[in-house]
Amino acid sequence: MAVLIETTLGDLIIDLFVKERPRCSLNFLKLCKKKYYNLNQFHSIERNYVAQTGDPTGTGKGGESVYSDMYGEQGRYFEREDLPKMRHTRMGIVSFVNNGDNMLGSQFFITLGENLDYLDDQHTIFGQVTEGLETLEKLNEQLADTNNRPFKDIRISHTIVLDDPFDEDARISFPPRSPSPTYEMLVKTDQIALDEKEDEDEGKTAEEIAEELQQREMAEQAQILEMVGDLKDADEVPPENVLFVCKLNPVTTDEDLEIIFSRFGKINNCEIVRDRRSGDSLQYAFIEFDNAKSCEQAFFKMDNVLIDDRRIHVDFSQSVSQNYKYKPKSQQQEAPKRRQSPQRRPEVKRSHQRSPSPRRRRSPSPKKDKKRDYRREPARRRRSSDNHRDRDRSYRDNNRDRRDNHRDSDRDRRRHDRSPDRRRDRR
């Protein structure tokens, strides 16, 4: 009552609980004998939890029991066995997966941890791993994505029934040979292949690894330059027949430089880069040879050579712009003049200085001819404020005197009215 399962990571021997789980044991043994589990993938691996397989589709939604061969579609799943009670207490427990309705099919899992009590009342235990615990350790160390799908393609390569206590059923057909892998298994997969190396640097020296890292960095930088528009193509390389010369003397001319370098071979173009406005030399130049061999000879011979009392530096050109826009002065053509349309007005040459707009033209005002002396402004303001203050004070004093005089006159009038002579006159 044992089965040998050969996986891509190692072998496992599973002993079945035939007396405690007869229907589960019959289902598992006959499926192994049918080669049903061959090439099945471990589609879900959770560290210190379970490793699940038994689905030919590899999605976790397929699979059917051996009873479908006996009873048709209604036997695709069979009812789980609850008694006697068994516990998921150690690594290597083998259980059938509950499909949600307390029904079992072909999918099963192997525990990778201990004391997984929350699985006891949901899934049915029917065996345990007796040999191959090191294979379970390898399964437990596999890396997986967020959906618990391992990055490496781990499969059951073969199943061998070591002992089968059940009688053969004529309704179950057994294939003569193991199934062959399909095209999707071999090619159309996004997982790491079985024979693919996980460590790409295995067997390489430190120098080779450093060189590969440098090449990768250069490729990444080229892709960045292509994205920002500095390069037309990330794989574009500079020309091999162009030499870069720098640290030149400002008095060195193109003709002098061409004569000096022409002894290495034919020169198609020799041009010192100059300032666009002033025309002064920027003290570096590009020399285009007819072939790469002449350029290489000039590179080895002319570096650190004295030209016009200056030690020049020579290197291969790293500029790719010359591949598609570099042209010597002799090949540069002037842009054609724009053709004058008969319906358009003839163009009038305008001066560079713009005439002011009529709205902006202002005639000088006579009032503003004399400049104001702002240094004397505070004193003037101070004096004016003092004058206003004195004027207000005198005005208040005059009003006070006027009121006093008016008050005195009223008082005298009232006294005069109360006098006896005034009363007599009224009578």
Foldseek 3Di string as FASTA:
>chain_A
DWKWWQKLLGIWIKDWPCVFFVVVVVQQLLCQQQLVQAFWWQFAADAQFKGKTQANVSPVPHFFTQCCLVVNPVRRWDAAHCPPFDAQAAWFFKWFAAPPPNIGGGMIITGLHGDPRVCRVGIHTTIGTPDDVVSSVVSNPFDDDPRRGGQATMGGNHMDDPDDPDDDDPSGDHDPDHDDDDPCVPPVDRHHYSPDDPDPCPPHDPVVVVVVVVVVVLLVVLVVCCVVPVDVDSPQFADLQKKKKFFADQVDAQVNVCVVLCVLHAWPDKHFDADPPPRTGPGMIMTGHPDNNSSVVCQVPQQQDADPNTRMHMDGDGDRVCVPPDDHPVPDDDDDDDDDDPVDDDDDDDDPDDDDDPVPDDDDDPVPPDPDDPVCVVVVVVVVVVVVVVVVVVVVVVVVVVVVVVVVVVVVVVVVCPDPVNVVVVD
